[in-house]
Amino acid sequence: MRENPFAYFMSAVDDGVLFSPLPTIVEESHGEVSIYAHMAAVNEHSRHLDNKRISIVFMGTHHYISPRWYVDPSSVPTWNYALVIARGISSILDFPDTMNLLKKLSERFDPEWTALEKEKESYYQRMVSQIVAFRVKCESVEGKFKLSQNHPLEDRKRVIEALSTADEEGKGMAELMKRTVLNESRGT
């Protein structure tokens, strides 16, 4: 989640599902995971965040898998992926906590800008009136992986070899597969 901090927040409402992609700060303390984010106050989703159930999807690396890469020519095209789904209850942050979140986000994603000598307090105070910041206290955090683990070892090796010469996303998938499924038994 920390490696892929741009997450998709989803909330069920009476007439459907609200969906907002947002940058996050993930914190863990005493075994409890909290996810912090903010959105524009004009976003309809912002009116459905106080003491509400929410699901958050952190998409990790993913890539197309060609059937040409498998030993068995009757294989079909597929997609490998890694993601994390967190679920919990959201609560709105007060002014001091919102200010703190904005500072943490700036420090995390743009430390050079944060380190500049200019005054930022007034900038953050202007932002606070236009956003809704919130915390999701996670009740569950679950990883989901599809990494060709249902294929024989030889197929997994061939997929890793093909992905290793692909784009950056493919190379990332190859590295993940090397660390996780290269030596596992089929079907695990």
N, C-alpha and C. Protein backbone atom coordinates (compact mmCIF):
# COMPACT_ATOMS: atom_id res chain seq x y z
N MET A 1 0.83 -1.19 0.00
CA MET A 1 0.00 0.00 0.00
C MET A 1 0.87 1.25 0.00
N ARG A 2 1.98 1.17 0.72
CA ARG A 2 2.87 2.33 0.74
C ARG A 2 3.60 2.48 -0.60
N GLU A 3 3.85 1.36 -1.29
CA GLU A 3 4.53 1.42 -2.59
C GLU A 3 3.61 1.94 -3.69
N ASN A 4 2.32 1.77 -3.54
CA ASN A 4 1.33 2.21 -4.53
C ASN A 4 0.26 3.03 -3.81
N PRO A 5 0.60 4.26 -3.41
CA PRO A 5 -0.28 5.03 -2.52
C PRO A 5 -1.48 5.68 -3.17
N PHE A 6 -1.62 5.58 -4.48
CA PHE A 6 -2.79 6.15 -5.15
C PHE A 6 -3.85 5.06 -5.21
N ALA A 7 -4.92 5.23 -4.44
CA ALA A 7 -5.89 4.15 -4.24
C ALA A 7 -7.28 4.57 -4.70
N TYR A 8 -8.14 3.58 -4.87
CA TYR A 8 -9.51 3.78 -5.32
C TYR A 8 -10.45 3.54 -4.14
N PHE A 9 -11.17 4.58 -3.73
CA PHE A 9 -12.09 4.53 -2.60
C PHE A 9 -13.50 4.31 -3.13
N MET A 10 -14.22 3.33 -2.54
CA MET A 10 -15.57 3.01 -2.99
C MET A 10 -16.52 2.94 -1.80
N SER A 11 -17.67 3.60 -1.97
CA SER A 11 -18.69 3.60 -0.93
C SER A 11 -20.04 3.29 -1.56
N ALA A 12 -20.79 2.39 -0.94
CA ALA A 12 -22.14 2.10 -1.39
C ALA A 12 -23.08 3.17 -0.85
N VAL A 13 -23.94 3.68 -1.72
CA VAL A 13 -24.97 4.64 -1.34
C VAL A 13 -26.30 4.13 -1.88
N ASP A 14 -27.39 4.79 -1.51
CA ASP A 14 -28.72 4.31 -1.89
C ASP A 14 -28.88 4.07 -3.39
N ASP A 15 -28.31 4.94 -4.20
CA ASP A 15 -28.53 4.82 -5.65
C ASP A 15 -27.31 4.30 -6.41
N GLY A 16 -26.40 3.60 -5.72
CA GLY A 16 -25.27 3.03 -6.43
C GLY A 16 -23.99 3.00 -5.62
N VAL A 17 -22.89 3.26 -6.30
CA VAL A 17 -21.57 3.23 -5.67
C VAL A 17 -20.84 4.52 -6.03
N LEU A 18 -20.23 5.13 -5.03
CA LEU A 18 -19.38 6.30 -5.25
C LEU A 18 -17.94 5.81 -5.33
N PHE A 19 -17.17 6.40 -6.22
CA PHE A 19 -15.82 5.95 -6.53
C PHE A 19 -14.92 7.17 -6.64
N SER A 20 -13.83 7.20 -5.87
CA SER A 20 -12.89 8.33 -5.91
C SER A 20 -11.46 7.83 -5.86
N PRO A 21 -10.63 8.15 -6.87
CA PRO A 21 -9.20 7.83 -6.80
C PRO A 21 -8.48 8.93 -6.03
N LEU A 22 -7.69 8.53 -5.02
CA LEU A 22 -7.08 9.51 -4.11
C LEU A 22 -5.68 9.08 -3.67
N PRO A 23 -4.79 10.06 -3.43
CA PRO A 23 -3.51 9.74 -2.80
C PRO A 23 -3.73 9.45 -1.32
N THR A 24 -2.89 8.60 -0.76
CA THR A 24 -3.09 8.17 0.63
C THR A 24 -1.82 8.26 1.45
N ILE A 25 -2.03 8.29 2.75
CA ILE A 25 -0.98 8.06 3.74
C ILE A 25 -1.45 6.85 4.54
N VAL A 26 -0.62 5.82 4.64
CA VAL A 26 -0.96 4.61 5.39
C VAL A 26 -0.12 4.58 6.65
N GLU A 27 -0.78 4.39 7.79
CA GLU A 27 -0.07 4.31 9.07
C GLU A 27 -0.51 3.07 9.81
N GLU A 28 0.45 2.47 10.52
CA GLU A 28 0.15 1.30 11.35
C GLU A 28 0.66 1.58 12.75
N SER A 29 -0.21 1.29 13.73
CA SER A 29 0.17 1.48 15.12
C SER A 29 -0.50 0.40 15.96
N HIS A 30 0.29 -0.34 16.70
CA HIS A 30 -0.22 -1.40 17.58
C HIS A 30 -1.11 -2.38 16.82
N GLY A 31 -0.70 -2.74 15.60
CA GLY A 31 -1.44 -3.70 14.80
C GLY A 31 -2.67 -3.16 14.12
N GLU A 32 -2.94 -1.88 14.27
CA GLU A 32 -4.11 -1.25 13.64
C GLU A 32 -3.66 -0.43 12.43
N VAL A 33 -4.28 -0.67 11.28
CA VAL A 33 -3.94 0.06 10.06
C VAL A 33 -4.97 1.16 9.85
N SER A 34 -4.46 2.36 9.58
CA SER A 34 -5.31 3.50 9.24
C SER A 34 -4.85 4.07 7.91
N ILE A 35 -5.82 4.43 7.09
CA ILE A 35 -5.54 5.03 5.79
C ILE A 35 -6.13 6.43 5.80
N TYR A 36 -5.31 7.41 5.46
CA TYR A 36 -5.72 8.81 5.46
C TYR A 36 -5.76 9.33 4.03
N ALA A 37 -6.76 10.14 3.73
CA ALA A 37 -6.88 10.73 2.40
C ALA A 37 -7.73 12.00 2.50
N HIS A 38 -7.86 12.66 1.38
CA HIS A 38 -8.74 13.84 1.32
C HIS A 38 -9.28 13.97 -0.10
N MET A 39 -10.37 14.70 -0.21
CA MET A 39 -10.97 14.97 -1.52
C MET A 39 -11.60 16.36 -1.49
N ALA A 40 -11.91 16.85 -2.67
CA ALA A 40 -12.55 18.16 -2.77
C ALA A 40 -13.91 18.12 -2.07
N ALA A 41 -14.23 19.18 -1.37
CA ALA A 41 -15.51 19.26 -0.66
C ALA A 41 -16.69 19.22 -1.63
N VAL A 42 -16.49 19.61 -2.88
CA VAL A 42 -17.58 19.58 -3.87
C VAL A 42 -17.83 18.18 -4.41
N ASN A 43 -16.95 17.23 -4.14
CA ASN A 43 -17.13 15.85 -4.56
C ASN A 43 -18.29 15.24 -3.77
N GLU A 44 -19.28 14.69 -4.48
CA GLU A 44 -20.44 14.08 -3.80
C GLU A 44 -20.01 13.04 -2.77
N HIS A 45 -18.94 12.33 -3.05
CA HIS A 45 -18.44 11.29 -2.15
C HIS A 45 -18.11 11.86 -0.77
N SER A 46 -17.69 13.14 -0.72
CA SER A 46 -17.29 13.75 0.55
C SER A 46 -18.44 13.84 1.55
N ARG A 47 -19.67 13.76 1.07
CA ARG A 47 -20.84 13.82 1.96
C ARG A 47 -21.22 12.44 2.51
N HIS A 48 -20.43 11.43 2.17
CA HIS A 48 -20.73 10.05 2.59
C HIS A 48 -19.51 9.42 3.26
N LEU A 49 -18.82 10.20 4.08
CA LEU A 49 -17.58 9.70 4.68
C LEU A 49 -17.62 9.62 6.19
N ASP A 50 -18.56 10.25 6.85
CA ASP A 50 -18.53 10.28 8.31
C ASP A 50 -19.21 9.04 8.89
N ASN A 51 -18.41 8.18 9.51
CA ASN A 51 -18.88 6.94 10.13
C ASN A 51 -19.55 6.03 9.10
N LYS A 52 -18.91 5.89 7.95
CA LYS A 52 -19.45 5.07 6.86
C LYS A 52 -18.46 3.97 6.49
N ARG A 53 -19.02 2.85 6.04
CA ARG A 53 -18.20 1.73 5.56
C ARG A 53 -17.63 2.10 4.19
N ILE A 54 -16.35 1.78 3.99
CA ILE A 54 -15.68 2.12 2.74
C ILE A 54 -14.71 1.01 2.36
N SER A 55 -14.56 0.78 1.07
CA SER A 55 -13.57 -0.18 0.55
C SER A 55 -12.53 0.59 -0.24
N ILE A 56 -11.28 0.17 -0.12
CA ILE A 56 -10.17 0.86 -0.77
C ILE A 56 -9.35 -0.18 -1.52
N VAL A 57 -9.09 0.08 -2.79
CA VAL A 57 -8.29 -0.83 -3.61
C VAL A 57 -6.97 -0.14 -3.96
N PHE A 58 -5.87 -0.79 -3.58
CA PHE A 58 -4.53 -0.35 -3.95
C PHE A 58 -4.06 -1.28 -5.06
N MET A 59 -3.97 -0.78 -6.27
CA MET A 59 -3.56 -1.60 -7.40
C MET A 59 -2.04 -1.65 -7.46
N GLY A 60 -1.51 -2.85 -7.47
CA GLY A 60 -0.08 -3.03 -7.61
C GLY A 60 0.27 -3.26 -9.07
N THR A 61 1.35 -3.96 -9.30
CA THR A 61 1.78 -4.22 -10.66
C THR A 61 0.81 -5.18 -11.34
N HIS A 62 0.71 -5.06 -12.65
CA HIS A 62 -0.17 -5.93 -13.44
C HIS A 62 0.34 -5.96 -14.87
N HIS A 63 -0.02 -7.02 -15.59
CA HIS A 63 0.44 -7.11 -16.98
C HIS A 63 -0.33 -8.20 -17.72
N TYR A 64 -0.50 -7.99 -19.02
CA TYR A 64 -1.07 -8.97 -19.93
C TYR A 64 -0.14 -10.18 -20.01
N ILE A 65 -0.73 -11.37 -20.06
CA ILE A 65 0.03 -12.62 -20.20
C ILE A 65 -0.43 -13.31 -21.48
N SER A 66 0.49 -13.46 -22.42
CA SER A 66 0.17 -14.06 -23.71
C SER A 66 0.17 -15.58 -23.62
N PRO A 67 -0.77 -16.25 -24.29
CA PRO A 67 -0.75 -17.72 -24.31
C PRO A 67 0.49 -18.25 -25.05
N ARG A 68 1.13 -17.41 -25.86
CA ARG A 68 2.36 -17.83 -26.55
C ARG A 68 3.48 -18.15 -25.57
N TRP A 69 3.37 -17.63 -24.35
CA TRP A 69 4.44 -17.81 -23.37
C TRP A 69 4.34 -19.15 -22.64
N TYR A 70 3.22 -19.86 -22.78
CA TYR A 70 3.03 -21.14 -22.10
C TYR A 70 3.47 -22.29 -23.00
N VAL A 71 3.83 -23.40 -22.39
CA VAL A 71 4.19 -24.60 -23.13
C VAL A 71 2.97 -25.14 -23.87
N ASP A 72 1.83 -25.18 -23.22
CA ASP A 72 0.59 -25.71 -23.80
C ASP A 72 -0.02 -24.68 -24.75
N PRO A 73 -0.10 -24.99 -26.04
CA PRO A 73 -0.61 -24.03 -27.02
C PRO A 73 -2.11 -23.76 -26.88
N SER A 74 -2.82 -24.57 -26.10
CA SER A 74 -4.26 -24.34 -25.94
C SER A 74 -4.57 -23.37 -24.80
N SER A 75 -3.56 -22.79 -24.18
CA SER A 75 -3.78 -21.80 -23.12
C SER A 75 -4.46 -20.57 -23.71
N VAL A 76 -5.07 -19.78 -22.84
CA VAL A 76 -5.78 -18.58 -23.29
C VAL A 76 -5.08 -17.33 -22.74
N PRO A 77 -5.31 -16.17 -23.38
CA PRO A 77 -4.75 -14.93 -22.85
C PRO A 77 -5.32 -14.64 -21.46
N THR A 78 -4.53 -13.97 -20.65
CA THR A 78 -5.00 -13.62 -19.30
C THR A 78 -4.27 -12.37 -18.83
N TRP A 79 -4.49 -12.01 -17.59
CA TRP A 79 -3.86 -10.83 -16.99
C TRP A 79 -3.40 -11.21 -15.59
N ASN A 80 -2.14 -10.99 -15.28
CA ASN A 80 -1.63 -11.18 -13.92
C ASN A 80 -1.70 -9.86 -13.18
N TYR A 81 -1.91 -9.93 -11.87
CA TYR A 81 -2.02 -8.70 -11.08
C TYR A 81 -1.73 -8.96 -9.62
N ALA A 82 -1.47 -7.86 -8.93
CA ALA A 82 -1.32 -7.87 -7.47
C ALA A 82 -2.06 -6.64 -6.96
N LEU A 83 -2.89 -6.83 -5.95
CA LEU A 83 -3.61 -5.69 -5.38
C LEU A 83 -3.90 -5.96 -3.92
N VAL A 84 -4.26 -4.89 -3.22
CA VAL A 84 -4.66 -4.99 -1.81
C VAL A 84 -6.01 -4.32 -1.68
N ILE A 85 -6.92 -4.99 -0.97
CA ILE A 85 -8.23 -4.42 -0.67
C ILE A 85 -8.31 -4.21 0.83
N ALA A 86 -8.55 -2.98 1.22
CA ALA A 86 -8.73 -2.64 2.63
C ALA A 86 -10.19 -2.24 2.82
N ARG A 87 -10.75 -2.62 3.96
CA ARG A 87 -12.14 -2.26 4.28
C ARG A 87 -12.18 -1.72 5.70
N GLY A 88 -13.03 -0.72 5.89
CA GLY A 88 -13.13 -0.16 7.22
C GLY A 88 -14.19 0.91 7.31
N ILE A 89 -14.14 1.63 8.42
CA ILE A 89 -15.10 2.70 8.70
C ILE A 89 -14.35 4.03 8.61
N SER A 90 -14.93 4.96 7.87
CA SER A 90 -14.29 6.26 7.69
C SER A 90 -14.82 7.26 8.71
N SER A 91 -13.98 8.22 9.04
CA SER A 91 -14.38 9.32 9.92
C SER A 91 -13.70 10.59 9.44
N ILE A 92 -14.41 11.70 9.54
CA ILE A 92 -13.91 13.00 9.09
C ILE A 92 -12.87 13.51 10.08
N LEU A 93 -11.79 14.10 9.56
CA LEU A 93 -10.75 14.67 10.41
C LEU A 93 -11.10 16.11 10.78
N ASP A 94 -10.70 16.51 11.98
CA ASP A 94 -10.90 17.90 12.39
C ASP A 94 -9.82 18.78 11.75
N PHE A 95 -9.90 20.09 12.01
CA PHE A 95 -8.99 21.05 11.38
C PHE A 95 -7.52 20.73 11.66
N PRO A 96 -7.10 20.54 12.92
CA PRO A 96 -5.67 20.26 13.16
C PRO A 96 -5.19 18.98 12.47
N ASP A 97 -6.01 17.94 12.49
CA ASP A 97 -5.61 16.68 11.85
C ASP A 97 -5.57 16.82 10.32
N THR A 98 -6.48 17.62 9.77
CA THR A 98 -6.46 17.88 8.33
C THR A 98 -5.19 18.63 7.95
N MET A 99 -4.83 19.64 8.73
CA MET A 99 -3.59 20.37 8.47
C MET A 99 -2.39 19.42 8.53
N ASN A 100 -2.38 18.54 9.51
CA ASN A 100 -1.29 17.57 9.66
C ASN A 100 -1.24 16.64 8.45
N LEU A 101 -2.39 16.17 7.97
CA LEU A 101 -2.43 15.29 6.81
C LEU A 101 -1.87 16.00 5.57
N LEU A 102 -2.26 17.24 5.35
CA LEU A 102 -1.76 17.98 4.19
C LEU A 102 -0.24 18.10 4.23
N LYS A 103 0.29 18.36 5.41
CA LYS A 103 1.74 18.46 5.56
C LYS A 103 2.41 17.10 5.29
N LYS A 104 1.82 16.02 5.81
CA LYS A 104 2.39 14.68 5.57
C LYS A 104 2.37 14.32 4.09
N LEU A 105 1.27 14.65 3.41
CA LEU A 105 1.18 14.37 1.98
C LEU A 105 2.26 15.14 1.21
N SER A 106 2.43 16.41 1.54
CA SER A 106 3.46 17.22 0.87
C SER A 106 4.85 16.66 1.15
N GLU A 107 5.12 16.30 2.39
CA GLU A 107 6.43 15.74 2.74
C GLU A 107 6.67 14.42 2.03
N ARG A 108 5.64 13.61 1.90
CA ARG A 108 5.76 12.28 1.28
C ARG A 108 5.99 12.38 -0.23
N PHE A 109 5.22 13.25 -0.90
CA PHE A 109 5.23 13.26 -2.36
C PHE A 109 6.06 14.39 -2.98
N ASP A 110 6.40 15.41 -2.20
CA ASP A 110 7.19 16.51 -2.75
C ASP A 110 8.03 17.16 -1.65
N PRO A 111 9.00 16.41 -1.11
CA PRO A 111 9.79 16.94 0.00
C PRO A 111 10.58 18.19 -0.35
N GLU A 112 10.99 18.33 -1.61
CA GLU A 112 11.73 19.53 -2.00
C GLU A 112 10.85 20.77 -1.88
N TRP A 113 9.61 20.66 -2.32
CA TRP A 113 8.68 21.79 -2.21
C TRP A 113 8.41 22.09 -0.73
N THR A 114 8.23 21.05 0.05
CA THR A 114 7.95 21.21 1.47
C THR A 114 9.12 21.88 2.18
N ALA A 115 10.34 21.61 1.73
CA ALA A 115 11.53 22.15 2.39
C ALA A 115 11.82 23.61 2.04
N LEU A 116 11.14 24.15 1.05
CA LEU A 116 11.38 25.55 0.69
C LEU A 116 11.08 26.45 1.87
N GLU A 117 11.76 27.58 1.90
CA GLU A 117 11.66 28.48 3.04
C GLU A 117 10.39 29.33 3.06
N LYS A 118 9.52 29.20 2.08
CA LYS A 118 8.34 30.06 2.06
C LYS A 118 7.32 29.60 3.11
N GLU A 119 6.47 30.51 3.46
CA GLU A 119 5.43 30.25 4.47
C GLU A 119 4.34 29.37 3.86
N LYS A 120 4.05 28.25 4.50
CA LYS A 120 3.04 27.33 3.97
C LYS A 120 1.77 27.29 4.81
N GLU A 121 1.83 27.75 6.01
CA GLU A 121 0.67 27.66 6.90
C GLU A 121 -0.57 28.30 6.28
N SER A 122 -0.43 29.48 5.71
CA SER A 122 -1.60 30.15 5.11
C SER A 122 -2.10 29.38 3.89
N TYR A 123 -1.18 28.76 3.15
CA TYR A 123 -1.58 27.95 2.00
C TYR A 123 -2.43 26.77 2.45
N TYR A 124 -1.98 26.05 3.47
CA TYR A 124 -2.73 24.90 3.98
C TYR A 124 -4.07 25.34 4.55
N GLN A 125 -4.11 26.45 5.23
CA GLN A 125 -5.38 26.93 5.80
C GLN A 125 -6.39 27.23 4.70
N ARG A 126 -5.94 27.79 3.58
CA ARG A 126 -6.86 28.04 2.46
C ARG A 126 -7.37 26.72 1.89
N MET A 127 -6.49 25.74 1.79
CA MET A 127 -6.89 24.43 1.25
C MET A 127 -7.93 23.74 2.12
N VAL A 128 -7.79 23.85 3.43
CA VAL A 128 -8.66 23.12 4.35
C VAL A 128 -10.13 23.46 4.12
N SER A 129 -10.42 24.69 3.77
CA SER A 129 -11.82 25.08 3.56
C SER A 129 -12.41 24.47 2.29
N GLN A 130 -11.57 23.92 1.42
CA GLN A 130 -12.03 23.39 0.14
C GLN A 130 -11.97 21.86 0.06
N ILE A 131 -11.56 21.21 1.14
CA ILE A 131 -11.41 19.75 1.11
C ILE A 131 -12.10 19.11 2.31
N VAL A 132 -12.28 17.81 2.21
CA VAL A 132 -12.72 16.99 3.33
C VAL A 132 -11.65 15.91 3.50
N ALA A 133 -11.00 15.93 4.65
CA ALA A 133 -9.97 14.93 4.96
C ALA A 133 -10.59 13.88 5.88
N PHE A 134 -10.13 12.65 5.75
CA PHE A 134 -10.73 11.57 6.53
C PHE A 134 -9.74 10.46 6.81
N ARG A 135 -10.10 9.65 7.78
CA ARG A 135 -9.33 8.47 8.17
C ARG A 135 -10.22 7.25 8.01
N VAL A 136 -9.65 6.18 7.49
CA VAL A 136 -10.35 4.90 7.46
C VAL A 136 -9.63 3.98 8.43
N LYS A 137 -10.33 3.59 9.48
CA LYS A 137 -9.80 2.61 10.43
C LYS A 137 -10.11 1.24 9.83
N CYS A 138 -9.06 0.54 9.43
CA CYS A 138 -9.24 -0.71 8.69
C CYS A 138 -9.70 -1.85 9.59
N GLU A 139 -10.73 -2.53 9.13
CA GLU A 139 -11.20 -3.75 9.78
C GLU A 139 -10.57 -4.97 9.13
N SER A 140 -10.21 -4.83 7.84
CA SER A 140 -9.55 -5.93 7.13
C SER A 140 -8.65 -5.36 6.04
N VAL A 141 -7.55 -6.07 5.80
CA VAL A 141 -6.62 -5.74 4.72
C VAL A 141 -6.25 -7.08 4.09
N GLU A 142 -6.52 -7.21 2.80
CA GLU A 142 -6.34 -8.50 2.13
C GLU A 142 -5.62 -8.32 0.80
N GLY A 143 -4.57 -9.10 0.59
CA GLY A 143 -3.88 -9.10 -0.69
C GLY A 143 -4.52 -10.09 -1.64
N LYS A 144 -4.60 -9.72 -2.90
CA LYS A 144 -5.12 -10.62 -3.95
C LYS A 144 -4.07 -10.65 -5.06
N PHE A 145 -3.69 -11.87 -5.43
CA PHE A 145 -2.63 -12.03 -6.42
C PHE A 145 -3.04 -13.07 -7.45
N LYS A 146 -2.84 -12.75 -8.71
CA LYS A 146 -2.96 -13.72 -9.80
C LYS A 146 -1.63 -13.63 -10.53
N LEU A 147 -0.78 -14.63 -10.31
CA LEU A 147 0.59 -14.59 -10.80
C LEU A 147 0.97 -15.86 -11.55
N SER A 148 0.04 -16.41 -12.29
CA SER A 148 0.25 -17.67 -13.03
C SER A 148 0.57 -18.82 -12.09
N GLN A 149 0.19 -18.70 -10.82
CA GLN A 149 0.54 -19.73 -9.85
C GLN A 149 -0.20 -21.05 -10.10
N ASN A 150 -1.23 -21.03 -10.93
CA ASN A 150 -1.96 -22.27 -11.24
C ASN A 150 -1.32 -23.02 -12.41
N HIS A 151 -0.23 -22.50 -12.94
CA HIS A 151 0.46 -23.13 -14.07
C HIS A 151 1.70 -23.87 -13.59
N PRO A 152 2.16 -24.84 -14.35
CA PRO A 152 3.38 -25.58 -13.98
C PRO A 152 4.59 -24.65 -13.89
N LEU A 153 5.59 -25.09 -13.17
CA LEU A 153 6.81 -24.31 -12.96
C LEU A 153 7.43 -23.86 -14.28
N GLU A 154 7.48 -24.73 -15.27
CA GLU A 154 8.08 -24.37 -16.56
C GLU A 154 7.33 -23.20 -17.20
N ASP A 155 6.01 -23.20 -17.12
CA ASP A 155 5.23 -22.08 -17.65
C ASP A 155 5.53 -20.79 -16.89
N ARG A 156 5.62 -20.87 -15.58
CA ARG A 156 5.92 -19.68 -14.79
C ARG A 156 7.28 -19.11 -15.17
N LYS A 157 8.25 -19.98 -15.38
CA LYS A 157 9.58 -19.52 -15.80
C LYS A 157 9.51 -18.81 -17.15
N ARG A 158 8.73 -19.37 -18.08
CA ARG A 158 8.60 -18.76 -19.41
C ARG A 158 7.89 -17.41 -19.33
N VAL A 159 6.89 -17.31 -18.48
CA VAL A 159 6.19 -16.03 -18.30
C VAL A 159 7.15 -14.99 -17.73
N ILE A 160 7.92 -15.37 -16.73
CA ILE A 160 8.89 -14.45 -16.12
C ILE A 160 9.92 -14.00 -17.17
N GLU A 161 10.39 -14.94 -17.98
CA GLU A 161 11.36 -14.59 -19.02
C GLU A 161 10.77 -13.58 -20.01
N ALA A 162 9.54 -13.81 -20.45
CA ALA A 162 8.90 -12.90 -21.40
C ALA A 162 8.65 -11.53 -20.76
N LEU A 163 8.18 -11.52 -19.53
CA LEU A 163 7.92 -10.25 -18.85
C LEU A 163 9.20 -9.46 -18.59
N SER A 164 10.31 -10.16 -18.41
CA SER A 164 11.59 -9.50 -18.13
C SER A 164 12.07 -8.64 -19.30
N THR A 165 11.54 -8.88 -20.49
CA THR A 165 11.93 -8.08 -21.66
C THR A 165 10.82 -7.12 -22.08
N ALA A 166 9.78 -7.02 -21.27
CA ALA A 166 8.64 -6.15 -21.59
C ALA A 166 8.89 -4.73 -21.07
N ASP A 167 7.84 -3.94 -20.98
CA ASP A 167 7.92 -2.58 -20.45
C ASP A 167 8.18 -2.61 -18.94
N GLU A 168 8.23 -1.44 -18.33
CA GLU A 168 8.54 -1.36 -16.89
C GLU A 168 7.51 -2.12 -16.04
N GLU A 169 6.25 -2.04 -16.40
CA GLU A 169 5.21 -2.77 -15.66
C GLU A 169 5.46 -4.27 -15.76
N GLY A 170 5.82 -4.74 -16.95
CA GLY A 170 6.12 -6.15 -17.14
C GLY A 170 7.33 -6.60 -16.34
N LYS A 171 8.35 -5.76 -16.32
CA LYS A 171 9.54 -6.09 -15.52
C LYS A 171 9.20 -6.14 -14.03
N GLY A 172 8.33 -5.24 -13.59
CA GLY A 172 7.89 -5.27 -12.19
C GLY A 172 7.14 -6.55 -11.87
N MET A 173 6.28 -6.98 -12.80
CA MET A 173 5.55 -8.23 -12.60
C MET A 173 6.51 -9.41 -12.58
N ALA A 174 7.51 -9.41 -13.46
CA ALA A 174 8.50 -10.49 -13.47
C ALA A 174 9.22 -10.57 -12.13
N GLU A 175 9.61 -9.43 -11.58
CA GLU A 175 10.30 -9.42 -10.29
C GLU A 175 9.40 -9.96 -9.17
N LEU A 176 8.14 -9.54 -9.18
CA LEU A 176 7.20 -10.03 -8.16
C LEU A 176 7.03 -11.54 -8.29
N MET A 177 6.88 -12.03 -9.51
CA MET A 177 6.73 -13.47 -9.71
C MET A 177 7.97 -14.23 -9.26
N LYS A 178 9.16 -13.68 -9.51
CA LYS A 178 10.39 -14.34 -9.06
C LYS A 178 10.40 -14.49 -7.55
N ARG A 179 9.95 -13.46 -6.85
CA ARG A 179 9.97 -13.47 -5.38
C ARG A 179 8.87 -14.35 -4.78
N THR A 180 7.79 -14.57 -5.50
CA THR A 180 6.63 -15.21 -4.86
C THR A 180 6.24 -16.57 -5.40
N VAL A 181 6.23 -16.77 -6.71
CA VAL A 181 5.66 -18.02 -7.23
C VAL A 181 6.63 -18.88 -8.02
N LEU A 182 7.85 -18.44 -8.16
CA LEU A 182 8.78 -19.22 -8.97
C LEU A 182 9.01 -20.60 -8.41
N ASN A 183 9.09 -20.72 -7.10
CA ASN A 183 9.42 -22.01 -6.50
C ASN A 183 8.23 -22.70 -5.84
N GLU A 184 7.04 -22.12 -5.98
CA GLU A 184 5.86 -22.75 -5.37
C GLU A 184 5.40 -23.94 -6.20
N SER A 185 4.72 -24.84 -5.54
CA SER A 185 4.12 -25.98 -6.24
C SER A 185 2.92 -25.50 -7.02
N ARG A 186 2.59 -26.23 -8.08
CA ARG A 186 1.43 -25.89 -8.89
C ARG A 186 0.17 -25.92 -8.04
N GLY A 187 -0.68 -24.91 -8.28
CA GLY A 187 -1.97 -24.88 -7.61
C GLY A 187 -1.96 -24.19 -6.27
N THR A 188 -0.85 -23.61 -5.85
CA THR A 188 -0.83 -22.91 -4.57
C THR A 188 -0.96 -21.43 -4.76
